[in-house]
């Protein structure tokens, strides 16, 4: 159940990011956003760990910032798989979109899926 909710949230994040990066990042419709979130989820499970392992020295040297490049690569692969339904114009747009997608997903994960952390922080004040 949590996976389906996460898929729905990531689909919404795709639509929001497409709104922010309007001419350069395009999602055709809501079903495309769902499919893009599913494909990106599969790529992040299968290909991303291999890319991280291959580029581990560079990732360590850049203090982890190279992960954004890896995320942009998986987003570009998603764009290639979905064709005209998802369009990312340029690698720079892919980097910005991957940063936004990662940030929004992290915030939603923190506030929606992990409310225990919110209550711990509220009790400290």
N, C-alpha and C. Protein backbone atom coordinates (compact mmCIF):
# COMPACT_ATOMS: atom_id res chain seq x y z
N UNK A 1 0.82 -1.20 0.00
CA UNK A 1 0.00 0.00 0.00
C UNK A 1 0.87 1.26 0.00
N UNK A 2 1.94 1.22 0.80
CA UNK A 2 2.82 2.39 0.86
C UNK A 2 3.46 2.64 -0.51
N UNK A 3 3.80 1.55 -1.23
CA UNK A 3 4.42 1.70 -2.53
C UNK A 3 3.48 2.39 -3.51
N UNK A 4 2.19 2.03 -3.49
CA UNK A 4 1.21 2.68 -4.37
C UNK A 4 1.05 4.16 -4.03
N UNK A 5 1.03 4.46 -2.73
CA UNK A 5 0.93 5.86 -2.32
C UNK A 5 2.18 6.63 -2.76
N UNK A 6 3.33 6.01 -2.63
CA UNK A 6 4.57 6.64 -3.07
C UNK A 6 4.56 6.86 -4.58
N UNK A 7 4.05 5.90 -5.33
CA UNK A 7 3.94 6.05 -6.77
C UNK A 7 3.02 7.21 -7.14
N UNK A 8 1.90 7.33 -6.44
CA UNK A 8 0.98 8.45 -6.70
C UNK A 8 1.62 9.79 -6.37
N UNK A 9 2.34 9.86 -5.27
CA UNK A 9 3.02 11.10 -4.88
C UNK A 9 4.09 11.46 -5.91
N UNK A 10 4.87 10.47 -6.34
CA UNK A 10 5.91 10.74 -7.33
C UNK A 10 5.31 11.16 -8.67
N UNK A 11 4.14 10.64 -9.00
CA UNK A 11 3.45 11.08 -10.22
C UNK A 11 3.06 12.55 -10.10
N UNK A 12 2.56 12.91 -8.95
CA UNK A 12 2.21 14.32 -8.69
C UNK A 12 3.45 15.20 -8.75
N UNK A 13 4.56 14.70 -8.23
CA UNK A 13 5.81 15.46 -8.27
C UNK A 13 6.25 15.68 -9.71
N UNK A 14 6.09 14.68 -10.57
CA UNK A 14 6.40 14.84 -12.00
C UNK A 14 5.59 15.98 -12.61
N UNK A 15 4.30 16.02 -12.28
CA UNK A 15 3.43 17.06 -12.84
C UNK A 15 3.83 18.44 -12.31
N UNK A 16 4.16 18.52 -11.03
CA UNK A 16 4.56 19.80 -10.44
C UNK A 16 5.87 20.29 -11.06
N UNK A 17 6.84 19.40 -11.20
CA UNK A 17 8.12 19.78 -11.80
C UNK A 17 7.91 20.19 -13.26
N UNK A 18 7.02 19.52 -13.96
CA UNK A 18 6.71 19.92 -15.34
C UNK A 18 6.11 21.32 -15.37
N UNK A 19 5.35 21.68 -14.35
CA UNK A 19 4.81 23.03 -14.27
C UNK A 19 5.88 24.06 -14.02
N UNK A 20 6.87 23.72 -13.19
CA UNK A 20 7.97 24.65 -12.91
C UNK A 20 8.88 24.85 -14.11
N UNK A 21 9.17 23.80 -14.82
CA UNK A 21 10.12 23.84 -15.93
C UNK A 21 9.39 23.73 -17.27
N UNK A 22 8.31 24.47 -17.40
CA UNK A 22 7.32 24.34 -18.47
C UNK A 22 7.84 24.06 -19.88
N UNK A 23 8.62 24.92 -20.49
CA UNK A 23 8.92 24.57 -21.89
C UNK A 23 9.96 23.46 -22.05
N UNK A 24 10.78 23.25 -21.02
CA UNK A 24 11.89 22.30 -21.17
C UNK A 24 11.60 20.92 -20.60
N UNK A 25 10.61 20.81 -19.75
CA UNK A 25 10.25 19.52 -19.14
C UNK A 25 8.76 19.35 -19.35
N UNK A 26 8.38 18.31 -20.08
CA UNK A 26 6.99 18.15 -20.50
C UNK A 26 6.50 16.75 -20.15
N UNK A 27 5.35 16.70 -19.49
CA UNK A 27 4.65 15.45 -19.22
C UNK A 27 3.30 15.56 -19.91
N UNK A 28 2.97 14.62 -20.78
CA UNK A 28 1.78 14.72 -21.62
C UNK A 28 0.48 14.74 -20.82
N UNK A 29 0.35 13.84 -19.83
CA UNK A 29 -0.89 13.76 -19.07
C UNK A 29 -0.64 12.98 -17.78
N UNK A 30 -1.69 12.79 -17.00
CA UNK A 30 -1.56 12.11 -15.71
C UNK A 30 -1.15 10.64 -15.87
N UNK A 31 -1.74 9.87 -16.79
CA UNK A 31 -1.24 8.49 -16.96
C UNK A 31 0.24 8.42 -17.34
N UNK A 32 0.70 9.40 -18.12
CA UNK A 32 2.12 9.44 -18.46
C UNK A 32 2.95 9.70 -17.22
N UNK A 33 2.47 10.57 -16.33
CA UNK A 33 3.20 10.84 -15.09
C UNK A 33 3.28 9.59 -14.22
N UNK A 34 2.20 8.81 -14.19
CA UNK A 34 2.20 7.56 -13.41
C UNK A 34 3.20 6.57 -14.02
N UNK A 35 3.18 6.43 -15.33
CA UNK A 35 4.10 5.51 -16.00
C UNK A 35 5.54 5.99 -15.82
N UNK A 36 5.76 7.30 -15.92
CA UNK A 36 7.11 7.84 -15.73
C UNK A 36 7.61 7.58 -14.31
N UNK A 37 6.73 7.74 -13.33
CA UNK A 37 7.12 7.46 -11.95
C UNK A 37 7.44 5.98 -11.77
N UNK A 38 6.67 5.13 -12.41
CA UNK A 38 6.92 3.69 -12.33
C UNK A 38 8.24 3.31 -13.00
N UNK A 39 8.48 3.84 -14.19
CA UNK A 39 9.72 3.55 -14.91
C UNK A 39 10.92 4.08 -14.13
N UNK A 40 10.81 5.29 -13.61
CA UNK A 40 11.91 5.87 -12.84
C UNK A 40 12.17 5.06 -11.57
N UNK A 41 11.11 4.57 -10.96
CA UNK A 41 11.25 3.72 -9.77
C UNK A 41 12.00 2.44 -10.10
N UNK A 42 11.66 1.83 -11.22
CA UNK A 42 12.34 0.60 -11.64
C UNK A 42 13.81 0.88 -11.97
N UNK A 43 14.06 1.98 -12.69
CA UNK A 43 15.44 2.34 -13.02
C UNK A 43 16.25 2.64 -11.76
N UNK A 44 15.63 3.31 -10.80
CA UNK A 44 16.33 3.61 -9.55
C UNK A 44 16.63 2.35 -8.75
N UNK A 45 15.84 1.32 -8.95
CA UNK A 45 16.07 0.06 -8.26
C UNK A 45 17.11 -0.80 -8.97
N UNK A 46 17.12 -0.76 -10.29
CA UNK A 46 17.98 -1.66 -11.05
C UNK A 46 19.28 -0.99 -11.52
N UNK A 47 19.18 0.13 -12.19
CA UNK A 47 20.34 0.73 -12.84
C UNK A 47 21.11 1.68 -11.92
N UNK A 48 20.41 2.45 -11.10
CA UNK A 48 21.06 3.45 -10.25
C UNK A 48 22.14 2.86 -9.34
N UNK A 49 21.90 1.72 -8.67
CA UNK A 49 22.98 1.17 -7.83
C UNK A 49 24.23 0.79 -8.63
N UNK A 50 24.06 0.32 -9.85
CA UNK A 50 25.20 -0.02 -10.70
C UNK A 50 25.97 1.25 -11.06
N UNK A 51 25.23 2.31 -11.42
CA UNK A 51 25.89 3.58 -11.75
C UNK A 51 26.62 4.15 -10.54
N UNK A 52 26.02 4.04 -9.38
CA UNK A 52 26.67 4.54 -8.17
C UNK A 52 27.95 3.76 -7.89
N UNK A 53 27.89 2.46 -8.06
CA UNK A 53 29.08 1.63 -7.82
C UNK A 53 30.19 1.95 -8.82
N UNK A 54 29.83 2.13 -10.08
CA UNK A 54 30.83 2.43 -11.11
C UNK A 54 31.48 3.80 -10.86
N UNK A 55 30.69 4.76 -10.42
CA UNK A 55 31.19 6.13 -10.25
C UNK A 55 31.52 6.46 -8.80
N UNK A 56 31.72 5.46 -7.98
CA UNK A 56 31.97 5.69 -6.55
C UNK A 56 33.16 6.61 -6.28
N UNK A 57 34.29 6.47 -6.96
CA UNK A 57 35.39 7.40 -6.68
C UNK A 57 35.03 8.86 -6.97
N UNK A 58 34.34 9.08 -8.08
CA UNK A 58 33.93 10.45 -8.43
C UNK A 58 32.91 10.97 -7.41
N UNK A 59 32.00 10.11 -6.99
CA UNK A 59 30.99 10.51 -6.01
C UNK A 59 31.65 10.88 -4.68
N UNK A 60 32.62 10.11 -4.27
CA UNK A 60 33.33 10.43 -3.02
C UNK A 60 34.11 11.74 -3.18
N UNK A 61 34.78 11.90 -4.31
CA UNK A 61 35.58 13.11 -4.56
C UNK A 61 34.70 14.36 -4.56
N UNK A 62 33.48 14.26 -5.09
CA UNK A 62 32.58 15.42 -5.14
C UNK A 62 31.68 15.51 -3.91
N UNK A 63 31.99 14.72 -2.89
CA UNK A 63 31.23 14.73 -1.64
C UNK A 63 29.76 14.40 -1.85
N UNK A 64 29.49 13.51 -2.79
CA UNK A 64 28.13 13.03 -3.03
C UNK A 64 27.33 13.83 -4.03
N UNK A 65 27.87 14.94 -4.52
CA UNK A 65 27.11 15.76 -5.47
C UNK A 65 26.95 15.08 -6.83
N UNK A 66 27.79 14.10 -7.13
CA UNK A 66 27.67 13.40 -8.40
C UNK A 66 26.40 12.57 -8.47
N UNK A 67 25.77 12.32 -7.32
CA UNK A 67 24.49 11.60 -7.29
C UNK A 67 23.44 12.34 -8.11
N UNK A 68 23.51 13.68 -8.11
CA UNK A 68 22.56 14.44 -8.93
C UNK A 68 22.75 14.15 -10.42
N UNK A 69 23.98 13.93 -10.84
CA UNK A 69 24.25 13.57 -12.24
C UNK A 69 23.68 12.19 -12.53
N UNK A 70 23.84 11.26 -11.60
CA UNK A 70 23.29 9.92 -11.77
C UNK A 70 21.76 9.98 -11.84
N UNK A 71 21.15 10.80 -10.99
CA UNK A 71 19.69 10.96 -11.05
C UNK A 71 19.26 11.55 -12.39
N UNK A 72 20.04 12.51 -12.90
CA UNK A 72 19.71 13.10 -14.21
C UNK A 72 19.85 12.05 -15.32
N UNK A 73 20.83 11.18 -15.21
CA UNK A 73 20.99 10.12 -16.21
C UNK A 73 19.78 9.18 -16.20
N UNK A 74 19.33 8.80 -15.00
CA UNK A 74 18.15 7.92 -14.95
C UNK A 74 16.91 8.64 -15.46
N UNK A 75 16.82 9.94 -15.24
CA UNK A 75 15.70 10.71 -15.78
C UNK A 75 15.77 10.77 -17.30
N UNK A 76 16.96 10.92 -17.84
CA UNK A 76 17.13 10.91 -19.30
C UNK A 76 16.78 9.54 -19.89
N UNK A 77 17.13 8.47 -19.19
CA UNK A 77 16.76 7.12 -19.66
C UNK A 77 15.24 6.97 -19.64
N UNK A 78 14.60 7.50 -18.59
CA UNK A 78 13.13 7.48 -18.53
C UNK A 78 12.53 8.24 -19.70
N UNK A 79 13.11 9.40 -20.03
CA UNK A 79 12.68 10.19 -21.17
C UNK A 79 12.81 9.38 -22.46
N UNK A 80 13.91 8.66 -22.61
CA UNK A 80 14.13 7.85 -23.81
C UNK A 80 13.10 6.72 -23.91
N UNK A 81 12.80 6.09 -22.77
CA UNK A 81 11.86 4.96 -22.78
C UNK A 81 10.45 5.43 -23.12
N UNK A 82 10.04 6.57 -22.56
CA UNK A 82 8.66 7.03 -22.77
C UNK A 82 8.46 7.79 -24.07
N UNK A 83 9.51 8.20 -24.72
CA UNK A 83 9.38 8.87 -26.01
C UNK A 83 8.79 10.26 -25.90
N UNK A 84 7.81 10.56 -26.75
CA UNK A 84 7.24 11.90 -26.81
C UNK A 84 6.30 12.22 -25.65
N UNK A 85 5.90 11.24 -24.89
CA UNK A 85 4.99 11.49 -23.76
C UNK A 85 5.69 12.22 -22.63
N UNK A 86 7.00 12.01 -22.49
CA UNK A 86 7.82 12.71 -21.51
C UNK A 86 8.99 13.30 -22.25
N UNK A 87 9.18 14.61 -22.09
CA UNK A 87 10.26 15.27 -22.82
C UNK A 87 11.12 16.08 -21.86
N UNK A 88 12.41 15.80 -21.89
CA UNK A 88 13.38 16.57 -21.12
C UNK A 88 14.35 17.17 -22.13
N UNK A 89 14.32 18.49 -22.27
CA UNK A 89 15.15 19.16 -23.26
C UNK A 89 16.50 19.52 -22.67
N UNK A 90 17.46 18.66 -22.87
CA UNK A 90 18.82 18.95 -22.45
C UNK A 90 19.19 18.33 -21.11
N UNK A 91 20.50 18.13 -20.95
CA UNK A 91 20.99 17.51 -19.73
C UNK A 91 20.91 18.47 -18.55
N UNK A 92 21.05 19.75 -18.80
CA UNK A 92 20.92 20.75 -17.74
C UNK A 92 19.52 20.74 -17.15
N UNK A 93 18.52 20.63 -17.99
CA UNK A 93 17.14 20.52 -17.53
C UNK A 93 16.94 19.23 -16.74
N UNK A 94 17.59 18.16 -17.18
CA UNK A 94 17.49 16.88 -16.45
C UNK A 94 18.10 17.01 -15.06
N UNK A 95 19.21 17.74 -14.94
CA UNK A 95 19.83 17.93 -13.63
C UNK A 95 18.92 18.74 -12.72
N UNK A 96 18.38 19.84 -13.23
CA UNK A 96 17.48 20.68 -12.43
C UNK A 96 16.23 19.89 -12.05
N UNK A 97 15.66 19.17 -13.01
CA UNK A 97 14.45 18.37 -12.72
C UNK A 97 14.75 17.29 -11.70
N UNK A 98 15.91 16.64 -11.80
CA UNK A 98 16.23 15.59 -10.83
C UNK A 98 16.44 16.16 -9.44
N UNK A 99 17.01 17.36 -9.35
CA UNK A 99 17.17 18.01 -8.04
C UNK A 99 15.80 18.33 -7.46
N UNK A 100 14.90 18.88 -8.28
CA UNK A 100 13.55 19.20 -7.80
C UNK A 100 12.78 17.94 -7.41
N UNK A 101 12.86 16.91 -8.23
CA UNK A 101 12.15 15.66 -7.93
C UNK A 101 12.69 15.06 -6.64
N UNK A 102 14.00 15.05 -6.48
CA UNK A 102 14.60 14.50 -5.26
C UNK A 102 14.19 15.31 -4.03
N UNK A 103 14.21 16.63 -4.16
CA UNK A 103 13.86 17.49 -3.03
C UNK A 103 12.39 17.32 -2.63
N UNK A 104 11.50 17.38 -3.62
CA UNK A 104 10.08 17.22 -3.31
C UNK A 104 9.78 15.84 -2.73
N UNK A 105 10.39 14.81 -3.31
CA UNK A 105 10.16 13.46 -2.80
C UNK A 105 10.68 13.31 -1.38
N UNK A 106 11.84 13.90 -1.09
CA UNK A 106 12.40 13.82 0.25
C UNK A 106 11.51 14.54 1.26
N UNK A 107 11.02 15.72 0.89
CA UNK A 107 10.14 16.47 1.81
C UNK A 107 8.84 15.72 2.06
N UNK A 108 8.27 15.16 1.02
CA UNK A 108 7.02 14.40 1.19
C UNK A 108 7.28 13.16 2.02
N UNK A 109 8.40 12.50 1.77
CA UNK A 109 8.76 11.32 2.56
C UNK A 109 8.88 11.69 4.04
N UNK A 110 9.52 12.81 4.31
CA UNK A 110 9.73 13.24 5.69
C UNK A 110 8.42 13.59 6.39
N UNK A 111 7.57 14.36 5.72
CA UNK A 111 6.37 14.86 6.38
C UNK A 111 5.18 13.91 6.32
N UNK A 112 5.12 13.05 5.32
CA UNK A 112 3.96 12.16 5.17
C UNK A 112 4.24 10.77 5.71
N UNK A 113 5.36 10.18 5.28
CA UNK A 113 5.63 8.79 5.63
C UNK A 113 6.30 8.62 6.98
N UNK A 114 6.92 9.65 7.52
CA UNK A 114 7.66 9.51 8.76
C UNK A 114 7.19 10.54 9.80
N UNK A 115 5.93 10.46 10.21
CA UNK A 115 5.43 11.46 11.17
C UNK A 115 6.05 11.31 12.55
N UNK A 116 6.71 10.18 12.84
CA UNK A 116 7.37 10.01 14.13
C UNK A 116 8.47 11.03 14.32
N UNK A 117 9.19 11.35 13.25
CA UNK A 117 10.25 12.36 13.33
C UNK A 117 9.67 13.73 13.63
N UNK A 118 8.51 14.04 13.08
CA UNK A 118 7.88 15.33 13.37
C UNK A 118 7.55 15.45 14.84
N UNK A 119 7.01 14.38 15.43
CA UNK A 119 6.63 14.46 16.83
C UNK A 119 7.87 14.53 17.72
N UNK A 120 8.97 13.91 17.34
CA UNK A 120 10.20 14.00 18.11
C UNK A 120 10.73 15.43 18.10
N UNK A 121 10.68 16.07 16.92
CA UNK A 121 11.17 17.43 16.83
C UNK A 121 10.23 18.40 17.55
N UNK A 122 8.97 18.13 17.54
CA UNK A 122 8.00 19.01 18.23
C UNK A 122 8.18 18.92 19.74
N UNK A 123 8.55 17.75 20.24
CA UNK A 123 8.74 17.58 21.68
C UNK A 123 10.00 18.26 22.18
N UNK A 124 10.97 18.48 21.33
CA UNK A 124 12.22 19.12 21.72
C UNK A 124 12.06 20.60 21.96
N UNK A 125 11.10 21.22 21.34
CA UNK A 125 10.94 22.68 21.43
C UNK A 125 10.33 23.10 22.72
